[in-house]
Amino acid sequence: AGPPDISSAWTMYFDGSKRVEGERAGVVLVSPQGDKMRYVLRMSFPNASNNEAEDEALLHGMRMAKACGPTRLKIFGDSNLVAQQVMNQCDAISDNMATYRDMYNNLEGTFDGCEVSHISRVSNDEADNLANIGSQCLPIPSGVFWEEISERSIKIKKPVGTIKSKDCKWDKSKPDSGAAPASNSLLKASDDDEEQEEVMMIEIPWMQQYLAYL
């Protein structure tokens, strides 16, 4: 069986924008009859990259399309990197991008047919204009839906931390056979993994003072 026929599918255009004022996205949904729905998405979570803004725009548009009821979806965006990653034409450049791709795959599975294609920015001007409206905090035009999200669609992966104290180095991913016993370590963590703080305390062996004296 060949690829699914999506000639009667809905069409979606998306674009993400990262500016000094903040991260925004624009989405345009077009029905087979030509009816359009326009969305402006504001991302208020910290440290969003341009690629994350594009991915959030893609996922948000797919959710909005699913709520409208179409079973087939043709998607167009001007980020060639995002298009290639979600269509498995290139490897994800980071763990977070791979997680976004996995979430796309989950949403894609809810449609009978779905594909993402790259187009030029000129061809994506309507979604780009919506993203710029959000980025520049301009008034939302009449008939345009507006939504704000305070958290990413994915749970970001935090790098493994290393704590150094003079000549001692502790890497929690690789236990050191010469490190102090667990009873001499104190680990403090909050209930929230996102605000986790780790502290290691090492006691001086009791015989060290006598050896130093001798």
N, C-alpha and C. Protein backbone atom coordinates (compact mmCIF):
# COMPACT_ATOMS: atom_id res chain seq x y z
N ALA A 1 0.84 -1.19 0.00
CA ALA A 1 0.00 0.00 0.00
C ALA A 1 0.87 1.24 0.00
N GLY A 2 0.55 2.19 -0.87
CA GLY A 2 1.32 3.42 -0.98
C GLY A 2 0.96 4.39 0.10
N PRO A 3 1.52 5.62 0.02
CA PRO A 3 1.21 6.64 1.03
C PRO A 3 -0.26 7.01 0.96
N PRO A 4 -0.84 7.44 2.09
CA PRO A 4 -2.27 7.78 2.12
C PRO A 4 -2.59 8.96 1.22
N ASP A 5 -3.76 8.94 0.62
CA ASP A 5 -4.22 10.04 -0.22
C ASP A 5 -4.70 11.19 0.65
N ILE A 6 -4.03 12.32 0.56
CA ILE A 6 -4.41 13.47 1.39
C ILE A 6 -4.81 14.64 0.49
N SER A 7 -5.30 14.33 -0.71
CA SER A 7 -5.70 15.39 -1.64
C SER A 7 -6.85 16.23 -1.09
N SER A 8 -7.71 15.63 -0.24
CA SER A 8 -8.82 16.37 0.35
C SER A 8 -8.53 16.80 1.78
N ALA A 9 -7.26 16.82 2.16
CA ALA A 9 -6.88 17.14 3.54
C ALA A 9 -7.00 18.62 3.81
N TRP A 10 -7.05 18.95 5.10
CA TRP A 10 -6.91 20.33 5.52
C TRP A 10 -5.44 20.73 5.34
N THR A 11 -5.20 22.03 5.23
CA THR A 11 -3.85 22.56 5.08
C THR A 11 -3.51 23.42 6.29
N MET A 12 -2.27 23.28 6.75
CA MET A 12 -1.83 24.05 7.91
C MET A 12 -0.50 24.73 7.59
N TYR A 13 -0.40 26.01 7.92
CA TYR A 13 0.85 26.77 7.82
C TYR A 13 1.26 27.20 9.22
N PHE A 14 2.53 27.07 9.54
CA PHE A 14 2.99 27.45 10.88
C PHE A 14 4.31 28.20 10.79
N ASP A 15 4.56 29.03 11.81
CA ASP A 15 5.83 29.75 11.88
C ASP A 15 6.07 30.17 13.32
N GLY A 16 7.31 30.00 13.79
CA GLY A 16 7.70 30.43 15.13
C GLY A 16 8.68 31.58 15.03
N SER A 17 8.66 32.46 16.01
CA SER A 17 9.51 33.64 15.98
C SER A 17 10.07 33.91 17.37
N LYS A 18 11.41 34.06 17.44
CA LYS A 18 12.06 34.41 18.71
C LYS A 18 12.64 35.81 18.57
N ARG A 19 12.21 36.70 19.43
CA ARG A 19 12.69 38.07 19.43
C ARG A 19 13.01 38.49 20.86
N VAL A 20 13.58 39.69 20.98
CA VAL A 20 13.91 40.21 22.31
C VAL A 20 12.65 40.33 23.16
N GLU A 21 11.54 40.69 22.51
CA GLU A 21 10.28 40.89 23.24
C GLU A 21 9.68 39.57 23.73
N GLY A 22 10.09 38.45 23.14
CA GLY A 22 9.54 37.16 23.53
C GLY A 22 9.39 36.23 22.35
N GLU A 23 8.86 35.03 22.63
CA GLU A 23 8.71 34.01 21.61
C GLU A 23 7.24 33.88 21.25
N ARG A 24 6.93 33.92 19.96
CA ARG A 24 5.56 33.84 19.49
C ARG A 24 5.49 32.89 18.30
N ALA A 25 4.28 32.52 17.94
CA ALA A 25 4.08 31.64 16.79
C ALA A 25 2.78 32.01 16.10
N GLY A 26 2.71 31.70 14.84
CA GLY A 26 1.50 31.91 14.07
C GLY A 26 1.10 30.64 13.36
N VAL A 27 -0.20 30.36 13.32
CA VAL A 27 -0.72 29.15 12.66
C VAL A 27 -1.94 29.54 11.83
N VAL A 28 -2.00 29.00 10.63
CA VAL A 28 -3.15 29.20 9.76
C VAL A 28 -3.68 27.84 9.34
N LEU A 29 -4.94 27.58 9.59
CA LEU A 29 -5.61 26.34 9.17
C LEU A 29 -6.57 26.66 8.04
N VAL A 30 -6.51 25.87 6.98
CA VAL A 30 -7.36 26.08 5.81
C VAL A 30 -8.13 24.80 5.51
N SER A 31 -9.45 24.88 5.48
CA SER A 31 -10.28 23.72 5.18
C SER A 31 -10.27 23.46 3.68
N PRO A 32 -10.70 22.28 3.24
CA PRO A 32 -10.78 22.00 1.80
C PRO A 32 -11.68 22.98 1.06
N GLN A 33 -12.62 23.60 1.76
CA GLN A 33 -13.53 24.57 1.14
C GLN A 33 -12.93 25.99 1.12
N GLY A 34 -11.73 26.16 1.72
CA GLY A 34 -11.07 27.46 1.70
C GLY A 34 -11.31 28.31 2.93
N ASP A 35 -12.05 27.80 3.91
CA ASP A 35 -12.26 28.54 5.15
C ASP A 35 -10.96 28.57 5.96
N LYS A 36 -10.67 29.72 6.57
CA LYS A 36 -9.42 29.87 7.30
C LYS A 36 -9.66 30.17 8.78
N MET A 37 -8.77 29.60 9.60
CA MET A 37 -8.73 29.92 11.03
C MET A 37 -7.30 30.30 11.36
N ARG A 38 -7.15 31.42 12.04
CA ARG A 38 -5.82 31.97 12.32
C ARG A 38 -5.58 32.01 13.82
N TYR A 39 -4.34 31.69 14.19
CA TYR A 39 -4.00 31.60 15.61
C TYR A 39 -2.68 32.33 15.87
N VAL A 40 -2.61 33.02 17.01
CA VAL A 40 -1.36 33.59 17.52
C VAL A 40 -1.07 32.92 18.85
N LEU A 41 0.11 32.37 18.98
CA LEU A 41 0.51 31.65 20.19
C LEU A 41 1.66 32.39 20.85
N ARG A 42 1.51 32.68 22.13
CA ARG A 42 2.57 33.32 22.91
C ARG A 42 3.17 32.29 23.85
N MET A 43 4.52 32.22 23.88
CA MET A 43 5.23 31.31 24.77
C MET A 43 5.89 32.10 25.88
N SER A 44 5.40 31.93 27.10
CA SER A 44 5.92 32.71 28.23
C SER A 44 6.92 31.92 29.08
N PHE A 45 7.26 30.69 28.67
CA PHE A 45 8.27 29.94 29.43
C PHE A 45 9.66 30.48 29.07
N PRO A 46 10.63 30.37 29.98
CA PRO A 46 11.94 31.01 29.78
C PRO A 46 12.84 30.25 28.83
N ASN A 47 13.77 31.00 28.23
CA ASN A 47 14.88 30.44 27.45
C ASN A 47 14.43 29.58 26.27
N ALA A 48 13.40 30.00 25.58
CA ALA A 48 12.97 29.25 24.40
C ALA A 48 13.88 29.59 23.22
N SER A 49 14.28 28.58 22.47
CA SER A 49 15.08 28.80 21.28
C SER A 49 14.17 29.01 20.07
N ASN A 50 14.76 29.44 18.96
CA ASN A 50 13.96 29.63 17.75
C ASN A 50 13.38 28.30 17.27
N ASN A 51 14.18 27.22 17.37
CA ASN A 51 13.68 25.89 16.97
C ASN A 51 12.51 25.45 17.84
N GLU A 52 12.59 25.76 19.16
CA GLU A 52 11.48 25.41 20.05
C GLU A 52 10.21 26.18 19.68
N ALA A 53 10.38 27.45 19.31
CA ALA A 53 9.22 28.24 18.90
C ALA A 53 8.58 27.61 17.66
N GLU A 54 9.39 27.13 16.73
CA GLU A 54 8.87 26.47 15.53
C GLU A 54 8.16 25.17 15.89
N ASP A 55 8.78 24.37 16.77
CA ASP A 55 8.18 23.10 17.16
C ASP A 55 6.87 23.30 17.91
N GLU A 56 6.84 24.30 18.80
CA GLU A 56 5.61 24.57 19.54
C GLU A 56 4.50 25.02 18.60
N ALA A 57 4.87 25.81 17.59
CA ALA A 57 3.88 26.23 16.59
C ALA A 57 3.33 25.03 15.84
N LEU A 58 4.21 24.11 15.47
CA LEU A 58 3.78 22.90 14.75
C LEU A 58 2.83 22.07 15.59
N LEU A 59 3.20 21.79 16.85
CA LEU A 59 2.36 20.95 17.70
C LEU A 59 1.03 21.64 18.03
N HIS A 60 1.09 22.94 18.30
CA HIS A 60 -0.14 23.68 18.62
C HIS A 60 -1.10 23.64 17.43
N GLY A 61 -0.58 23.86 16.23
CA GLY A 61 -1.42 23.82 15.04
C GLY A 61 -2.05 22.46 14.82
N MET A 62 -1.29 21.40 15.09
CA MET A 62 -1.83 20.05 14.92
C MET A 62 -2.95 19.79 15.93
N ARG A 63 -2.78 20.29 17.16
CA ARG A 63 -3.84 20.11 18.16
C ARG A 63 -5.11 20.87 17.76
N MET A 64 -4.91 22.09 17.26
CA MET A 64 -6.07 22.87 16.82
C MET A 64 -6.76 22.19 15.63
N ALA A 65 -5.95 21.65 14.73
CA ALA A 65 -6.53 20.96 13.57
C ALA A 65 -7.32 19.73 14.02
N LYS A 66 -6.77 19.00 14.98
CA LYS A 66 -7.45 17.80 15.48
C LYS A 66 -8.79 18.17 16.11
N ALA A 67 -8.83 19.31 16.79
CA ALA A 67 -10.08 19.74 17.43
C ALA A 67 -11.14 20.11 16.41
N CYS A 68 -10.70 20.48 15.21
CA CYS A 68 -11.65 20.85 14.15
C CYS A 68 -12.21 19.63 13.43
N GLY A 69 -11.59 18.47 13.61
CA GLY A 69 -12.16 17.25 13.07
C GLY A 69 -11.56 16.65 11.83
N PRO A 70 -10.61 17.29 11.12
CA PRO A 70 -10.08 16.65 9.91
C PRO A 70 -9.27 15.41 10.24
N THR A 71 -9.28 14.44 9.33
CA THR A 71 -8.51 13.21 9.53
C THR A 71 -7.21 13.22 8.74
N ARG A 72 -7.09 14.17 7.80
CA ARG A 72 -5.88 14.26 6.99
C ARG A 72 -5.38 15.70 7.01
N LEU A 73 -4.05 15.85 7.05
CA LEU A 73 -3.47 17.17 7.25
C LEU A 73 -2.19 17.32 6.43
N LYS A 74 -2.12 18.40 5.67
CA LYS A 74 -0.90 18.79 4.96
C LYS A 74 -0.33 20.01 5.67
N ILE A 75 0.93 19.93 6.08
CA ILE A 75 1.54 20.96 6.91
C ILE A 75 2.71 21.61 6.17
N PHE A 76 2.79 22.93 6.26
CA PHE A 76 3.87 23.67 5.60
C PHE A 76 4.48 24.65 6.58
N GLY A 77 5.81 24.70 6.60
CA GLY A 77 6.53 25.64 7.45
C GLY A 77 7.82 26.06 6.78
N ASP A 78 8.36 27.22 7.19
CA ASP A 78 9.58 27.71 6.54
C ASP A 78 10.86 27.33 7.29
N SER A 79 10.75 26.45 8.29
CA SER A 79 11.94 25.92 8.97
C SER A 79 12.29 24.57 8.34
N ASN A 80 13.31 24.58 7.51
CA ASN A 80 13.72 23.34 6.85
C ASN A 80 14.21 22.32 7.86
N LEU A 81 14.88 22.79 8.93
CA LEU A 81 15.40 21.88 9.95
C LEU A 81 14.27 21.12 10.64
N VAL A 82 13.23 21.85 11.07
CA VAL A 82 12.11 21.21 11.76
C VAL A 82 11.40 20.25 10.83
N ALA A 83 11.19 20.65 9.58
CA ALA A 83 10.51 19.78 8.62
C ALA A 83 11.29 18.48 8.40
N GLN A 84 12.60 18.57 8.27
CA GLN A 84 13.42 17.38 8.03
C GLN A 84 13.47 16.48 9.26
N GLN A 85 13.52 17.10 10.45
CA GLN A 85 13.60 16.30 11.67
C GLN A 85 12.33 15.49 11.91
N VAL A 86 11.17 16.13 11.79
CA VAL A 86 9.92 15.41 12.08
C VAL A 86 9.59 14.39 11.00
N MET A 87 10.11 14.60 9.78
CA MET A 87 9.89 13.62 8.71
C MET A 87 11.02 12.60 8.63
N ASN A 88 11.90 12.61 9.67
CA ASN A 88 13.00 11.64 9.78
C ASN A 88 13.94 11.69 8.58
N GLN A 89 14.13 12.89 8.03
CA GLN A 89 15.07 13.06 6.93
C GLN A 89 16.45 13.48 7.43
N CYS A 90 16.55 13.78 8.71
CA CYS A 90 17.84 14.09 9.33
C CYS A 90 17.73 13.79 10.81
N ASP A 91 18.87 13.66 11.47
CA ASP A 91 18.89 13.37 12.90
C ASP A 91 18.56 14.63 13.69
N ALA A 92 17.95 14.43 14.85
CA ALA A 92 17.66 15.55 15.75
C ALA A 92 18.97 16.10 16.29
N ILE A 93 19.08 17.43 16.41
CA ILE A 93 20.33 18.05 16.81
C ILE A 93 20.51 18.05 18.33
N SER A 94 19.48 17.70 19.09
CA SER A 94 19.57 17.67 20.55
C SER A 94 18.51 16.74 21.10
N ASP A 95 18.65 16.41 22.38
CA ASP A 95 17.66 15.55 23.03
C ASP A 95 16.28 16.21 23.03
N ASN A 96 16.24 17.52 23.25
CA ASN A 96 14.95 18.20 23.27
C ASN A 96 14.27 18.15 21.90
N MET A 97 15.06 18.34 20.84
CA MET A 97 14.48 18.28 19.50
C MET A 97 13.98 16.86 19.20
N ALA A 98 14.70 15.86 19.70
CA ALA A 98 14.25 14.48 19.51
C ALA A 98 12.94 14.23 20.25
N THR A 99 12.79 14.84 21.42
CA THR A 99 11.55 14.69 22.18
C THR A 99 10.40 15.38 21.46
N TYR A 100 10.66 16.55 20.88
CA TYR A 100 9.63 17.21 20.08
C TYR A 100 9.23 16.33 18.89
N ARG A 101 10.20 15.69 18.27
CA ARG A 101 9.89 14.80 17.14
C ARG A 101 9.02 13.63 17.60
N ASP A 102 9.32 13.08 18.77
CA ASP A 102 8.51 11.98 19.29
C ASP A 102 7.07 12.43 19.53
N MET A 103 6.91 13.66 20.04
CA MET A 103 5.57 14.17 20.27
C MET A 103 4.84 14.39 18.95
N TYR A 104 5.57 14.86 17.94
CA TYR A 104 4.94 14.99 16.62
C TYR A 104 4.46 13.64 16.13
N ASN A 105 5.31 12.61 16.29
CA ASN A 105 4.93 11.26 15.84
C ASN A 105 3.65 10.79 16.54
N ASN A 106 3.53 11.11 17.84
CA ASN A 106 2.31 10.73 18.57
C ASN A 106 1.08 11.42 18.01
N LEU A 107 1.22 12.72 17.72
CA LEU A 107 0.09 13.46 17.15
C LEU A 107 -0.21 13.00 15.73
N GLU A 108 0.84 12.72 14.98
CA GLU A 108 0.66 12.25 13.61
C GLU A 108 -0.17 10.96 13.59
N GLY A 109 0.03 10.11 14.58
CA GLY A 109 -0.70 8.84 14.65
C GLY A 109 -2.19 9.01 14.86
N THR A 110 -2.63 10.21 15.26
CA THR A 110 -4.06 10.44 15.45
C THR A 110 -4.75 10.84 14.15
N PHE A 111 -3.98 11.05 13.09
CA PHE A 111 -4.53 11.37 11.77
C PHE A 111 -4.38 10.16 10.85
N ASP A 112 -5.26 10.07 9.87
CA ASP A 112 -5.14 9.01 8.87
C ASP A 112 -4.02 9.32 7.89
N GLY A 113 -3.73 10.58 7.70
CA GLY A 113 -2.65 10.99 6.81
C GLY A 113 -2.12 12.33 7.24
N CYS A 114 -0.79 12.47 7.29
CA CYS A 114 -0.17 13.71 7.76
C CYS A 114 1.24 13.81 7.19
N GLU A 115 1.60 14.98 6.66
CA GLU A 115 2.95 15.17 6.17
C GLU A 115 3.36 16.63 6.36
N VAL A 116 4.67 16.85 6.56
CA VAL A 116 5.22 18.19 6.76
C VAL A 116 6.17 18.50 5.61
N SER A 117 6.01 19.66 5.00
CA SER A 117 6.86 20.07 3.88
C SER A 117 7.44 21.46 4.16
N HIS A 118 8.64 21.68 3.64
CA HIS A 118 9.30 22.97 3.79
C HIS A 118 8.92 23.89 2.63
N ILE A 119 8.62 25.15 2.96
CA ILE A 119 8.34 26.17 1.94
C ILE A 119 9.16 27.41 2.28
N SER A 120 9.25 28.32 1.34
CA SER A 120 10.00 29.55 1.57
C SER A 120 9.22 30.47 2.51
N ARG A 121 9.92 31.43 3.10
CA ARG A 121 9.26 32.38 4.00
C ARG A 121 8.24 33.23 3.24
N VAL A 122 8.54 33.52 1.97
CA VAL A 122 7.59 34.30 1.17
C VAL A 122 6.27 33.55 1.03
N SER A 123 6.36 32.21 0.84
CA SER A 123 5.15 31.42 0.68
C SER A 123 4.43 31.19 2.00
N ASN A 124 5.11 31.53 3.10
CA ASN A 124 4.53 31.32 4.43
C ASN A 124 4.24 32.67 5.10
N ASP A 125 3.95 33.68 4.29
CA ASP A 125 3.87 35.03 4.82
C ASP A 125 2.72 35.24 5.80
N GLU A 126 1.61 34.54 5.63
CA GLU A 126 0.47 34.75 6.52
C GLU A 126 0.78 34.27 7.94
N ALA A 127 1.34 33.07 8.07
CA ALA A 127 1.73 32.57 9.39
C ALA A 127 2.87 33.41 9.96
N ASP A 128 3.79 33.84 9.11
CA ASP A 128 4.90 34.68 9.56
C ASP A 128 4.39 36.01 10.10
N ASN A 129 3.41 36.61 9.44
CA ASN A 129 2.84 37.88 9.91
C ASN A 129 2.17 37.71 11.27
N LEU A 130 1.48 36.57 11.46
CA LEU A 130 0.84 36.32 12.76
C LEU A 130 1.89 36.17 13.86
N ALA A 131 2.99 35.47 13.55
CA ALA A 131 4.06 35.31 14.53
C ALA A 131 4.68 36.65 14.88
N ASN A 132 4.85 37.51 13.88
CA ASN A 132 5.43 38.84 14.13
C ASN A 132 4.49 39.71 14.95
N ILE A 133 3.19 39.57 14.73
CA ILE A 133 2.22 40.32 15.54
C ILE A 133 2.39 39.96 17.01
N GLY A 134 2.54 38.66 17.29
CA GLY A 134 2.73 38.23 18.66
C GLY A 134 4.07 38.69 19.23
N SER A 135 5.14 38.58 18.41
CA SER A 135 6.47 38.95 18.88
C SER A 135 6.58 40.43 19.21
N GLN A 136 5.92 41.26 18.44
CA GLN A 136 6.00 42.70 18.64
C GLN A 136 4.88 43.24 19.54
N CYS A 137 4.10 42.30 20.12
CA CYS A 137 3.01 42.67 21.04
C CYS A 137 2.05 43.67 20.40
N LEU A 138 1.76 43.48 19.12
CA LEU A 138 0.81 44.32 18.43
C LEU A 138 -0.61 43.87 18.74
N PRO A 139 -1.60 44.74 18.54
CA PRO A 139 -2.99 44.34 18.78
C PRO A 139 -3.38 43.12 17.93
N ILE A 140 -4.10 42.18 18.52
CA ILE A 140 -4.53 40.99 17.81
C ILE A 140 -5.67 41.37 16.87
N PRO A 141 -5.53 41.09 15.57
CA PRO A 141 -6.59 41.46 14.62
C PRO A 141 -7.89 40.72 14.93
N SER A 142 -8.98 41.31 14.47
CA SER A 142 -10.29 40.69 14.65
C SER A 142 -10.34 39.35 13.92
N GLY A 143 -10.94 38.37 14.56
CA GLY A 143 -11.07 37.05 13.96
C GLY A 143 -9.88 36.14 14.15
N VAL A 144 -8.86 36.61 14.87
CA VAL A 144 -7.67 35.81 15.13
C VAL A 144 -7.73 35.29 16.57
N PHE A 145 -7.52 33.98 16.75
CA PHE A 145 -7.50 33.39 18.08
C PHE A 145 -6.14 33.63 18.72
N TRP A 146 -6.15 33.86 20.03
CA TRP A 146 -4.92 34.12 20.77
C TRP A 146 -4.85 33.19 21.97
N GLU A 147 -3.66 32.63 22.19
CA GLU A 147 -3.48 31.73 23.33
C GLU A 147 -2.07 31.88 23.87
N GLU A 148 -1.92 31.71 25.18
CA GLU A 148 -0.61 31.78 25.83
C GLU A 148 -0.33 30.47 26.55
N ILE A 149 0.90 29.97 26.39
CA ILE A 149 1.30 28.76 27.10
C ILE A 149 2.49 29.11 28.00
N SER A 150 2.46 28.64 29.23
CA SER A 150 3.51 28.95 30.19
C SER A 150 4.51 27.80 30.37
N GLU A 151 4.23 26.66 29.75
CA GLU A 151 5.14 25.52 29.84
C GLU A 151 5.35 24.92 28.46
N ARG A 152 6.51 24.30 28.26
CA ARG A 152 6.78 23.61 27.01
C ARG A 152 5.87 22.41 26.85
N SER A 153 5.68 22.00 25.62
CA SER A 153 4.90 20.79 25.37
C SER A 153 5.65 19.54 25.80
N ILE A 154 6.97 19.67 25.96
CA ILE A 154 7.80 18.54 26.36
C ILE A 154 8.42 18.84 27.72
N LYS A 155 8.94 17.81 28.35
CA LYS A 155 9.72 17.97 29.56
C LYS A 155 11.18 17.98 29.16
N ILE A 156 11.87 19.10 29.36
CA ILE A 156 13.24 19.22 28.89
C ILE A 156 14.15 18.33 29.72
N LYS A 157 15.21 17.87 29.06
CA LYS A 157 16.18 17.01 29.73
C LYS A 157 17.33 17.85 30.23
N LYS A 158 17.59 17.74 31.54
CA LYS A 158 18.65 18.53 32.15
C LYS A 158 19.96 17.77 32.08
N PRO A 159 21.08 18.46 31.78
CA PRO A 159 22.37 17.79 31.73
C PRO A 159 22.82 17.28 33.08
N VAL A 160 23.64 16.25 33.07
CA VAL A 160 24.17 15.69 34.30
C VAL A 160 25.10 16.70 34.95
N GLY A 161 24.92 16.93 36.25
CA GLY A 161 25.70 17.95 36.93
C GLY A 161 26.93 17.37 37.61
N THR A 162 27.96 18.17 37.74
CA THR A 162 29.19 17.77 38.41
C THR A 162 29.52 18.80 39.47
N ILE A 163 29.83 18.37 40.68
CA ILE A 163 30.17 19.26 41.78
C ILE A 163 31.64 19.06 42.11
N LYS A 164 32.37 20.17 42.16
CA LYS A 164 33.80 20.10 42.45
C LYS A 164 34.08 20.77 43.79
N SER A 165 34.97 20.18 44.57
CA SER A 165 35.41 20.77 45.82
C SER A 165 36.90 20.53 45.96
N LYS A 166 37.68 21.57 45.68
CA LYS A 166 39.15 21.48 45.67
C LYS A 166 39.58 20.35 44.74
N ASP A 167 40.21 19.29 45.29
CA ASP A 167 40.70 18.20 44.45
C ASP A 167 39.68 17.10 44.28
N CYS A 168 38.50 17.27 44.83
CA CYS A 168 37.48 16.23 44.76
C CYS A 168 36.48 16.57 43.67
N LYS A 169 36.16 15.60 42.82
CA LYS A 169 35.16 15.79 41.78
C LYS A 169 34.14 14.68 41.89
N TRP A 170 32.86 15.06 41.85
CA TRP A 170 31.78 14.07 41.97
C TRP A 170 30.87 14.20 40.77
N ASP A 171 30.75 13.13 40.03
CA ASP A 171 29.84 13.07 38.88
C ASP A 171 28.79 12.04 39.22
N LYS A 172 27.53 12.46 39.34
CA LYS A 172 26.48 11.56 39.81
C LYS A 172 26.17 10.46 38.81
N SER A 173 26.67 10.60 37.57
CA SER A 173 26.40 9.56 36.58
C SER A 173 27.43 8.44 36.62
N LYS A 174 28.60 8.69 37.27
CA LYS A 174 29.66 7.70 37.31
C LYS A 174 30.19 7.60 38.74
N PRO A 175 29.71 6.67 39.54
CA PRO A 175 30.19 6.55 40.92
C PRO A 175 31.68 6.28 40.95
N ASP A 176 32.38 6.91 41.86
CA ASP A 176 33.81 6.76 42.01
C ASP A 176 34.07 5.74 43.11
N SER A 177 34.83 4.71 42.76
CA SER A 177 35.09 3.65 43.75
C SER A 177 35.90 4.17 44.91
N GLY A 178 36.62 5.27 44.72
CA GLY A 178 37.44 5.81 45.80
C GLY A 178 36.77 6.91 46.59
N ALA A 179 35.50 7.17 46.29
CA ALA A 179 34.80 8.25 46.98
C ALA A 179 34.44 7.84 48.39
N ALA A 180 34.06 8.81 49.18
CA ALA A 180 33.66 8.53 50.56
C ALA A 180 32.40 7.68 50.57
N PRO A 181 32.20 6.87 51.63
CA PRO A 181 31.01 6.01 51.71
C PRO A 181 29.74 6.85 51.67
N ALA A 182 28.65 6.19 51.31
CA ALA A 182 27.36 6.89 51.20
C ALA A 182 26.96 7.52 52.51
N SER A 183 27.35 6.92 53.65
CA SER A 183 26.96 7.46 54.95
C SER A 183 27.60 8.82 55.20
N ASN A 184 28.66 9.14 54.45
CA ASN A 184 29.32 10.41 54.63
C ASN A 184 28.84 11.46 53.64
N SER A 185 27.82 11.13 52.87
CA SER A 185 27.30 12.06 51.86
C SER A 185 25.91 12.50 52.25
N LEU A 186 25.62 13.72 51.96
CA LEU A 186 24.31 14.26 52.25
C LEU A 186 23.73 14.81 50.96
N LEU A 187 22.57 14.31 50.57
CA LEU A 187 21.92 14.75 49.35
C LEU A 187 20.62 15.45 49.70
N LYS A 188 20.50 16.67 49.30
CA LYS A 188 19.30 17.45 49.56
C LYS A 188 18.64 17.75 48.23
N ALA A 189 17.34 17.50 48.12
CA ALA A 189 16.61 17.78 46.89
C ALA A 189 15.21 18.24 47.24
N SER A 190 14.72 19.17 46.48
CA SER A 190 13.33 19.60 46.66
C SER A 190 12.41 18.61 45.99
N ASP A 191 11.11 18.73 46.26
CA ASP A 191 10.14 17.83 45.66
C ASP A 191 9.99 18.09 44.17
N ASP A 192 10.37 19.26 43.73
CA ASP A 192 10.24 19.61 42.30
C ASP A 192 11.55 19.33 41.61
N ASP A 193 11.53 18.40 40.63
CA ASP A 193 12.75 18.03 39.93
C ASP A 193 13.35 19.20 39.17
N GLU A 194 12.47 20.15 38.74
CA GLU A 194 12.97 21.27 37.97
C GLU A 194 13.82 22.20 38.82
N GLU A 195 13.59 22.20 40.16
CA GLU A 195 14.33 23.08 41.05
C GLU A 195 15.27 22.27 41.94
N GLN A 196 15.74 21.15 41.44
CA GLN A 196 16.54 20.25 42.25
C GLN A 196 17.90 20.87 42.57
N GLU A 197 18.30 20.73 43.82
CA GLU A 197 19.61 21.21 44.25
C GLU A 197 20.32 20.07 44.94
N GLU A 198 21.57 19.84 44.58
CA GLU A 198 22.31 18.72 45.14
C GLU A 198 23.55 19.24 45.86
N VAL A 199 23.79 18.71 47.04
CA VAL A 199 24.93 19.11 47.84
C VAL A 199 25.65 17.87 48.32
N MET A 200 26.98 17.86 48.22
CA MET A 200 27.74 16.72 48.72
C MET A 200 28.70 17.20 49.80
N MET A 201 28.67 16.52 50.95
CA MET A 201 29.55 16.86 52.06
C MET A 201 30.43 15.67 52.36
N ILE A 202 31.73 15.90 52.44
CA ILE A 202 32.69 14.82 52.67
C ILE A 202 33.38 15.05 54.00
N GLU A 203 33.32 14.05 54.89
CA GLU A 203 33.96 14.14 56.20
C GLU A 203 35.43 13.75 56.08
N ILE A 204 36.25 14.41 56.88
CA ILE A 204 37.68 14.09 56.90
C ILE A 204 37.89 12.84 57.76
N PRO A 205 38.62 11.82 57.25
CA PRO A 205 38.86 10.59 58.05
C PRO A 205 39.48 10.94 59.40
N TRP A 206 39.07 10.21 60.46
CA TRP A 206 39.50 10.55 61.82
C TRP A 206 41.00 10.40 62.02
N MET A 207 41.66 9.49 61.25
CA MET A 207 43.09 9.26 61.48
C MET A 207 43.98 10.29 60.80
N GLN A 208 43.39 11.16 59.97
CA GLN A 208 44.22 12.08 59.20
C GLN A 208 44.99 13.03 60.11
N GLN A 209 44.35 13.47 61.22
CA GLN A 209 45.05 14.40 62.14
C GLN A 209 46.27 13.73 62.75
N TYR A 210 46.16 12.43 63.12
CA TYR A 210 47.29 11.73 63.74
C TYR A 210 48.40 11.50 62.73
N LEU A 211 48.03 11.16 61.51
CA LEU A 211 49.05 10.96 60.48
C LEU A 211 49.80 12.27 60.20
N ALA A 212 49.06 13.36 60.21
CA ALA A 212 49.69 14.65 59.98
C ALA A 212 50.66 15.00 61.11
N TYR A 213 50.28 14.63 62.36
CA TYR A 213 51.15 14.90 63.50
C TYR A 213 52.43 14.07 63.43
N LEU A 214 52.31 12.79 63.08
CA LEU A 214 53.48 11.91 62.98
C LEU A 214 54.40 12.34 61.85
